Amino acid sequence: MTSFMIGPVSVEVLDGEHAIEVVPPSQWHGDRQERPAHAVLANLKAGDGLRAQVSLVRWDDSDEVSLGFAELLAGPSDYERLEDAGAISPKLVGEKLVARIRALRYGKSGRATGAAVEWSQIDEWAGGDAQALVATLGATRTGSYGVLLPSATRFKTEPAIEVPLADPSALFAVYALTRVVPIMTGYGKESVEGPNA
């Protein structure tokens, strides 16, 4: 087990992979059939009462990978948004995962959705140099998406991270910083209110 603090969030990455069956994101609007997969799990905790588990899932019959919400165990209701928003879909490149980094941001509708983010904002959430912090957690490269994934045709200038498939801890750190912390702080809300603000 690997445990660390990233910004205001405690992350505990559990050892090993767990065999599961779940619908891949590519089929949410398709056949919606569960498929065999393997998941690495991480527990997230925060001072506002958040207790959640997230999973990095790789399907057995494809190269599809997704990091997203698995279960909200406790915490303010704003975190329920993680049930249907905020998944990270890294690309499998050899034995590495390359992920474009976006952050949840509240919009005019009052719902948090994925939005472009800069490294400077991620640094603020991390309380320091986020790229250096994720490097200490095993990220092999950070930078822009177009550099880390040369085959990318869109979003080339957005922040990105590369992690070894065998040690995705840094990817869980990015999830905590760009999904949990924006909800915790009300990122994008015109007037901050409620238990997470």
C-alpha atoms as a PDB file:
ATOM      1  CA  MET A   1       0.000   0.000   0.000  1.00  0.00           C
ATOM      2  CA  THR A   2       1.176   3.506  -0.865  1.00  0.00           C
ATOM      3  CA  SER A   3      -0.096   6.442   1.214  1.00  0.00           C
ATOM      4  CA  PHE A   4       0.489  10.159   0.686  1.00  0.00           C
ATOM      5  CA  MET A   5      -1.024  13.617   1.124  1.00  0.00           C
ATOM      6  CA  ILE A   6      -1.551  15.745  -1.958  1.00  0.00           C
ATOM      7  CA  GLY A   7      -2.904  19.199  -1.211  1.00  0.00           C
ATOM      8  CA  PRO A   8      -5.641  18.710   1.406  1.00  0.00           C
ATOM      9  CA  VAL A   9      -6.418  15.113   0.344  1.00  0.00           C
ATOM     10  CA  SER A  10      -5.058  11.891   1.811  1.00  0.00           C
ATOM     11  CA  VAL A  11      -4.613   9.139  -0.793  1.00  0.00           C
ATOM     12  CA  GLU A  12      -4.090   5.456  -0.017  1.00  0.00           C
ATOM     13  CA  VAL A  13      -3.386   3.310  -3.110  1.00  0.00           C
ATOM     14  CA  LEU A  14      -4.166  -0.321  -2.331  1.00  0.00           C
ATOM     15  CA  ASP A  15      -1.782  -3.084  -3.386  1.00  0.00           C
ATOM     16  CA  GLY A  16      -2.618  -5.366  -6.297  1.00  0.00           C
ATOM     17  CA  GLU A  17      -5.330  -5.482  -8.895  1.00  0.00           C
ATOM     18  CA  HIS A  18      -8.894  -6.610  -8.343  1.00  0.00           C
ATOM     19  CA  ALA A  19     -10.877  -8.569 -10.941  1.00  0.00           C
ATOM     20  CA  ILE A  20     -14.192  -6.820 -11.647  1.00  0.00           C
ATOM     21  CA  GLU A  21     -16.869  -6.600 -14.312  1.00  0.00           C
ATOM     22  CA  VAL A  22     -17.994  -3.120 -15.305  1.00  0.00           C
ATOM     23  CA  VAL A  23     -19.299  -1.224 -18.346  1.00  0.00           C
ATOM     24  CA  PRO A  24     -16.467   0.606 -20.138  1.00  0.00           C
ATOM     25  CA  PRO A  25     -17.013   4.335 -20.766  1.00  0.00           C
ATOM     26  CA  SER A  26     -17.008   3.689 -24.530  1.00  0.00           C
ATOM     27  CA  GLN A  27     -20.200   1.661 -24.032  1.00  0.00           C
ATOM     28  CA  TRP A  28     -22.127   4.007 -21.709  1.00  0.00           C
ATOM     29  CA  HIS A  29     -24.239   4.959 -24.733  1.00  0.00           C
ATOM     30  CA  GLY A  30     -23.651   1.677 -26.554  1.00  0.00           C
ATOM     31  CA  ASP A  31     -24.522  -1.855 -25.472  1.00  0.00           C
ATOM     32  CA  ARG A  32     -24.007  -1.074 -21.739  1.00  0.00           C
ATOM     33  CA  GLN A  33     -22.685  -4.598 -21.171  1.00  0.00           C
ATOM     34  CA  GLU A  34     -20.323  -5.258 -18.286  1.00  0.00           C
ATOM     35  CA  ARG A  35     -16.948  -6.622 -19.374  1.00  0.00           C
ATOM     36  CA  PRO A  36     -14.149  -8.290 -17.417  1.00  0.00           C
ATOM     37  CA  ALA A  37     -11.531  -5.842 -16.176  1.00  0.00           C
ATOM     38  CA  HIS A  38      -8.869  -5.318 -13.534  1.00  0.00           C
ATOM     39  CA  ALA A  39      -8.850  -2.361 -11.165  1.00  0.00           C
ATOM     40  CA  VAL A  40      -6.324  -0.657  -8.912  1.00  0.00           C
ATOM     41  CA  LEU A  41      -8.174   0.985  -6.020  1.00  0.00           C
ATOM     42  CA  ALA A  42      -7.389   4.040  -3.924  1.00  0.00           C
ATOM     43  CA  ASN A  43      -9.084   5.460  -0.842  1.00  0.00           C
ATOM     44  CA  LEU A  44      -9.433   9.244  -0.607  1.00  0.00           C
ATOM     45  CA  LYS A  45     -10.004  11.173   2.626  1.00  0.00           C
ATOM     46  CA  ALA A  46     -10.289  14.877   3.391  1.00  0.00           C
ATOM     47  CA  GLY A  47     -10.903  17.084   6.408  1.00  0.00           C
ATOM     48  CA  ASP A  48     -14.449  17.935   5.299  1.00  0.00           C
ATOM     49  CA  GLY A  49     -15.530  14.346   5.942  1.00  0.00           C
ATOM     50  CA  LEU A  50     -14.909  12.953   2.449  1.00  0.00           C
ATOM     51  CA  ARG A  51     -14.339   9.215   2.392  1.00  0.00           C
ATOM     52  CA  ALA A  52     -14.350   7.775  -1.125  1.00  0.00           C
ATOM     53  CA  GLN A  53     -12.834   5.038  -3.208  1.00  0.00           C
ATOM     54  CA  VAL A  54     -11.733   5.565  -6.797  1.00  0.00           C
ATOM     55  CA  SER A  55     -10.620   2.969  -9.304  1.00  0.00           C
ATOM     56  CA  LEU A  56      -8.218   2.804 -12.226  1.00  0.00           C
ATOM     57  CA  VAL A  57      -9.797   0.207 -14.517  1.00  0.00           C
ATOM     58  CA  ARG A  58      -8.256  -1.569 -17.508  1.00  0.00           C
ATOM     59  CA  TRP A  59     -10.556  -3.788 -19.532  1.00  0.00           C
ATOM     60  CA  ASP A  60      -9.252  -7.239 -20.385  1.00  0.00           C
ATOM     61  CA  ASP A  61     -10.415  -7.216 -24.034  1.00  0.00           C
ATOM     62  CA  SER A  62      -9.187  -3.735 -25.050  1.00  0.00           C
ATOM     63  CA  ASP A  63      -6.705  -0.955 -24.365  1.00  0.00           C
ATOM     64  CA  GLU A  64      -9.446   1.152 -22.754  1.00  0.00           C
ATOM     65  CA  VAL A  65      -8.482   2.581 -19.351  1.00  0.00           C
ATOM     66  CA  SER A  66     -10.489   4.827 -17.030  1.00  0.00           C
ATOM     67  CA  LEU A  67      -9.834   6.392 -13.644  1.00  0.00           C
ATOM     68  CA  GLY A  68     -12.973   7.438 -11.881  1.00  0.00           C
ATOM     69  CA  PHE A  69     -15.260   7.378  -8.931  1.00  0.00           C
ATOM     70  CA  ALA A  70     -16.057   3.990  -7.466  1.00  0.00           C
ATOM     71  CA  GLU A  71     -17.925   4.744  -4.246  1.00  0.00           C
ATOM     72  CA  LEU A  72     -18.695   7.686  -1.975  1.00  0.00           C
ATOM     73  CA  LEU A  73     -18.587   6.359   1.581  1.00  0.00           C
ATOM     74  CA  ALA A  74     -19.070   9.642   3.480  1.00  0.00           C
ATOM     75  CA  GLY A  75     -18.859  13.381   3.029  1.00  0.00           C
ATOM     76  CA  PRO A  76     -20.797  16.394   1.796  1.00  0.00           C
ATOM     77  CA  SER A  77     -23.341  15.761  -0.952  1.00  0.00           C
ATOM     78  CA  ASP A  78     -21.439  17.907  -3.480  1.00  0.00           C
ATOM     79  CA  TYR A  79     -19.084  14.951  -3.953  1.00  0.00           C
ATOM     80  CA  GLU A  80     -21.948  12.907  -5.415  1.00  0.00           C
ATOM     81  CA  ARG A  81     -21.114  14.723  -8.673  1.00  0.00           C
ATOM     82  CA  LEU A  82     -18.094  12.421  -8.960  1.00  0.00           C
ATOM     83  CA  GLU A  83     -20.515   9.564  -9.694  1.00  0.00           C
ATOM     84  CA  ASP A  84     -21.140  10.853 -13.208  1.00  0.00           C
ATOM     85  CA  ALA A  85     -18.422  13.413 -13.902  1.00  0.00           C
ATOM     86  CA  GLY A  86     -14.686  13.684 -13.683  1.00  0.00           C
ATOM     87  CA  ALA A  87     -13.399  10.400 -15.107  1.00  0.00           C
ATOM     88  CA  ILE A  88      -9.864  10.507 -16.484  1.00  0.00           C
ATOM     89  CA  SER A  89      -9.307   8.414 -19.625  1.00  0.00           C
ATOM     90  CA  PRO A  90      -5.572   7.859 -20.027  1.00  0.00           C
ATOM     91  CA  LYS A  91      -4.140   6.414 -23.214  1.00  0.00           C
ATOM     92  CA  LEU A  92      -2.141   3.196 -22.962  1.00  0.00           C
ATOM     93  CA  VAL A  93       1.247   3.659 -24.641  1.00  0.00           C
ATOM     94  CA  GLY A  94       3.387   0.564 -24.172  1.00  0.00           C
ATOM     95  CA  GLU A  95       3.683   0.053 -20.422  1.00  0.00           C
ATOM     96  CA  LYS A  96       2.777   3.677 -19.614  1.00  0.00           C
ATOM     97  CA  LEU A  97      -0.398   5.696 -19.276  1.00  0.00           C
ATOM     98  CA  VAL A  98      -0.610   9.229 -20.697  1.00  0.00           C
ATOM     99  CA  ALA A  99      -3.456  11.362 -19.382  1.00  0.00           C
ATOM    100  CA  ARG A 100      -4.660  14.810 -20.387  1.00  0.00           C
ATOM    101  CA  ILE A 101      -5.431  16.813 -17.255  1.00  0.00           C
ATOM    102  CA  ARG A 102      -8.656  18.740 -16.900  1.00  0.00           C
ATOM    103  CA  ALA A 103     -10.363  19.905 -13.723  1.00  0.00           C
ATOM    104  CA  LEU A 104     -13.918  19.950 -12.489  1.00  0.00           C
ATOM    105  CA  ARG A 105     -15.255  23.494 -12.512  1.00  0.00           C
ATOM    106  CA  TYR A 106     -18.660  24.776 -11.499  1.00  0.00           C
ATOM    107  CA  GLY A 107     -20.511  26.489 -14.331  1.00  0.00           C
ATOM    108  CA  LYS A 108     -23.612  28.638 -14.609  1.00  0.00           C
ATOM    109  CA  SER A 109     -25.807  25.556 -14.234  1.00  0.00           C
ATOM    110  CA  GLY A 110     -24.350  25.019 -10.764  1.00  0.00           C
ATOM    111  CA  ARG A 111     -22.907  21.641 -11.761  1.00  0.00           C
ATOM    112  CA  ALA A 112     -19.215  20.819 -11.881  1.00  0.00           C
ATOM    113  CA  THR A 113     -17.997  19.659 -15.298  1.00  0.00           C
ATOM    114  CA  GLY A 114     -14.607  19.051 -16.896  1.00  0.00           C
ATOM    115  CA  ALA A 115     -12.815  22.210 -17.971  1.00  0.00           C
ATOM    116  CA  ALA A 116      -9.383  23.202 -19.191  1.00  0.00           C
ATOM    117  CA  VAL A 117      -6.899  24.002 -16.435  1.00  0.00           C
ATOM    118  CA  GLU A 118      -3.335  25.340 -16.282  1.00  0.00           C
ATOM    119  CA  TRP A 119      -0.409  23.945 -14.297  1.00  0.00           C
ATOM    120  CA  SER A 120      -0.406  27.179 -12.236  1.00  0.00           C
ATOM    121  CA  GLN A 121      -3.917  26.399 -10.926  1.00  0.00           C
ATOM    122  CA  ILE A 122      -2.934  22.791 -10.176  1.00  0.00           C
ATOM    123  CA  ASP A 123       0.132  24.144  -8.322  1.00  0.00           C
ATOM    124  CA  GLU A 124      -2.182  26.281  -6.182  1.00  0.00           C
ATOM    125  CA  TRP A 125      -4.335  23.277  -5.273  1.00  0.00           C
ATOM    126  CA  ALA A 126      -1.221  21.213  -4.512  1.00  0.00           C
ATOM    127  CA  GLY A 127       0.292  23.930  -2.330  1.00  0.00           C
ATOM    128  CA  GLY A 128       3.501  23.882  -4.391  1.00  0.00           C
ATOM    129  CA  ASP A 129       5.000  22.669  -7.648  1.00  0.00           C
ATOM    130  CA  ALA A 130       2.497  20.018  -8.761  1.00  0.00           C
ATOM    131  CA  GLN A 131       4.766  18.656 -11.496  1.00  0.00           C
ATOM    132  CA  ALA A 132       7.559  18.073  -8.989  1.00  0.00           C
ATOM    133  CA  LEU A 133       5.129  16.526  -6.488  1.00  0.00           C
ATOM    134  CA  VAL A 134       3.726  14.003  -8.979  1.00  0.00           C
ATOM    135  CA  ALA A 135       7.287  13.168 -10.077  1.00  0.00           C
ATOM    136  CA  THR A 136       8.056  12.139  -6.486  1.00  0.00           C
ATOM    137  CA  LEU A 137       4.995   9.854  -6.700  1.00  0.00           C
ATOM    138  CA  GLY A 138       6.287   8.092  -9.813  1.00  0.00           C
ATOM    139  CA  ALA A 139       5.227  10.224 -12.777  1.00  0.00           C
ATOM    140  CA  THR A 140       7.771   9.621 -15.529  1.00  0.00           C
ATOM    141  CA  ARG A 141       6.941  12.827 -17.411  1.00  0.00           C
ATOM    142  CA  THR A 142       4.708  15.892 -17.122  1.00  0.00           C
ATOM    143  CA  GLY A 143       4.126  18.683 -19.585  1.00  0.00           C
ATOM    144  CA  SER A 144       1.746  19.307 -22.455  1.00  0.00           C
ATOM    145  CA  TYR A 145      -0.466  16.643 -23.977  1.00  0.00           C
ATOM    146  CA  GLY A 146       0.939  17.095 -27.499  1.00  0.00           C
ATOM    147  CA  VAL A 147       4.478  16.435 -26.271  1.00  0.00           C
ATOM    148  CA  LEU A 148       3.608  13.429 -24.088  1.00  0.00           C
ATOM    149  CA  LEU A 149       1.287  11.923 -26.720  1.00  0.00           C
ATOM    150  CA  PRO A 150       2.625  12.995 -30.141  1.00  0.00           C
ATOM    151  CA  SER A 151      -0.303  11.284 -31.897  1.00  0.00           C
ATOM    152  CA  ALA A 152      -2.756  13.685 -30.208  1.00  0.00           C
ATOM    153  CA  THR A 153      -4.641  15.793 -32.716  1.00  0.00           C
ATOM    154  CA  ARG A 154      -6.515  17.994 -30.224  1.00  0.00           C
ATOM    155  CA  PHE A 155      -5.863  19.570 -26.827  1.00  0.00           C
ATOM    156  CA  LYS A 156      -2.105  19.546 -27.500  1.00  0.00           C
ATOM    157  CA  THR A 157      -1.307  22.426 -25.148  1.00  0.00           C
ATOM    158  CA  GLU A 158      -3.283  21.151 -22.154  1.00  0.00           C
ATOM    159  CA  PRO A 159      -1.391  19.751 -19.138  1.00  0.00           C
ATOM    160  CA  ALA A 160      -0.640  16.036 -19.148  1.00  0.00           C
ATOM    161  CA  ILE A 161       1.070  13.338 -17.123  1.00  0.00           C
ATOM    162  CA  GLU A 162       2.744  10.031 -17.943  1.00  0.00           C
ATOM    163  CA  VAL A 163       2.857   7.247 -15.351  1.00  0.00           C
ATOM    164  CA  PRO A 164       3.993   3.617 -15.412  1.00  0.00           C
ATOM    165  CA  LEU A 165       1.087   1.187 -15.706  1.00  0.00           C
ATOM    166  CA  ALA A 166       2.677  -0.771 -12.857  1.00  0.00           C
ATOM    167  CA  ASP A 167       2.654   2.252 -10.487  1.00  0.00           C
ATOM    168  CA  PRO A 168      -0.189   4.710 -11.145  1.00  0.00           C
ATOM    169  CA  SER A 169       0.039   6.547  -7.780  1.00  0.00           C
ATOM    170  CA  ALA A 170       0.737   9.903  -9.446  1.00  0.00           C
ATOM    171  CA  LEU A 171      -2.418   9.550 -11.529  1.00  0.00           C
ATOM    172  CA  PHE A 172      -4.482   9.125  -8.346  1.00  0.00           C
ATOM    173  CA  ALA A 173      -2.803  12.311  -7.058  1.00  0.00           C
ATOM    174  CA  VAL A 174      -3.918  14.175 -10.188  1.00  0.00           C
ATOM    175  CA  TYR A 175      -7.480  12.904  -9.664  1.00  0.00           C
ATOM    176  CA  ALA A 176      -7.459  14.182  -6.088  1.00  0.00           C
ATOM    177  CA  LEU A 177      -6.089  17.585  -7.120  1.00  0.00           C
ATOM    178  CA  THR A 178      -8.326  18.161 -10.142  1.00  0.00           C
ATOM    179  CA  ARG A 179     -11.574  16.450  -9.092  1.00  0.00           C
ATOM    180  CA  VAL A 180     -11.790  16.462  -5.295  1.00  0.00           C
ATOM    181  CA  VAL A 181     -10.130  19.812  -4.502  1.00  0.00           C
ATOM    182  CA  PRO A 182     -12.223  21.830  -7.014  1.00  0.00           C
ATOM    183  CA  ILE A 183     -15.425  20.474  -5.460  1.00  0.00           C
ATOM    184  CA  MET A 184     -14.040  21.059  -1.961  1.00  0.00           C
ATOM    185  CA  THR A 185     -13.213  24.697  -2.756  1.00  0.00           C
ATOM    186  CA  GLY A 186     -16.175  25.480  -5.025  1.00  0.00           C
ATOM    187  CA  TYR A 187     -13.884  26.200  -7.988  1.00  0.00           C
ATOM    188  CA  GLY A 188     -15.782  28.331 -10.508  1.00  0.00           C
ATOM    189  CA  LYS A 189     -18.733  29.182  -8.270  1.00  0.00           C
ATOM    190  CA  GLU A 190     -19.663  32.854  -8.374  1.00  0.00           C
ATOM    191  CA  SER A 191     -20.500  32.874  -4.694  1.00  0.00           C
ATOM    192  CA  VAL A 192     -19.016  30.182  -2.524  1.00  0.00           C
ATOM    193  CA  GLU A 193     -21.524  28.510  -0.226  1.00  0.00           C
ATOM    194  CA  GLY A 194     -22.285  25.216   1.423  1.00  0.00           C
ATOM    195  CA  PRO A 195     -20.311  22.664   3.400  1.00  0.00           C
ATOM    196  CA  ASN A 196     -17.517  22.323   0.824  1.00  0.00           C
ATOM    197  CA  ALA A 197     -16.774  26.007   0.445  1.00  0.00           C
END
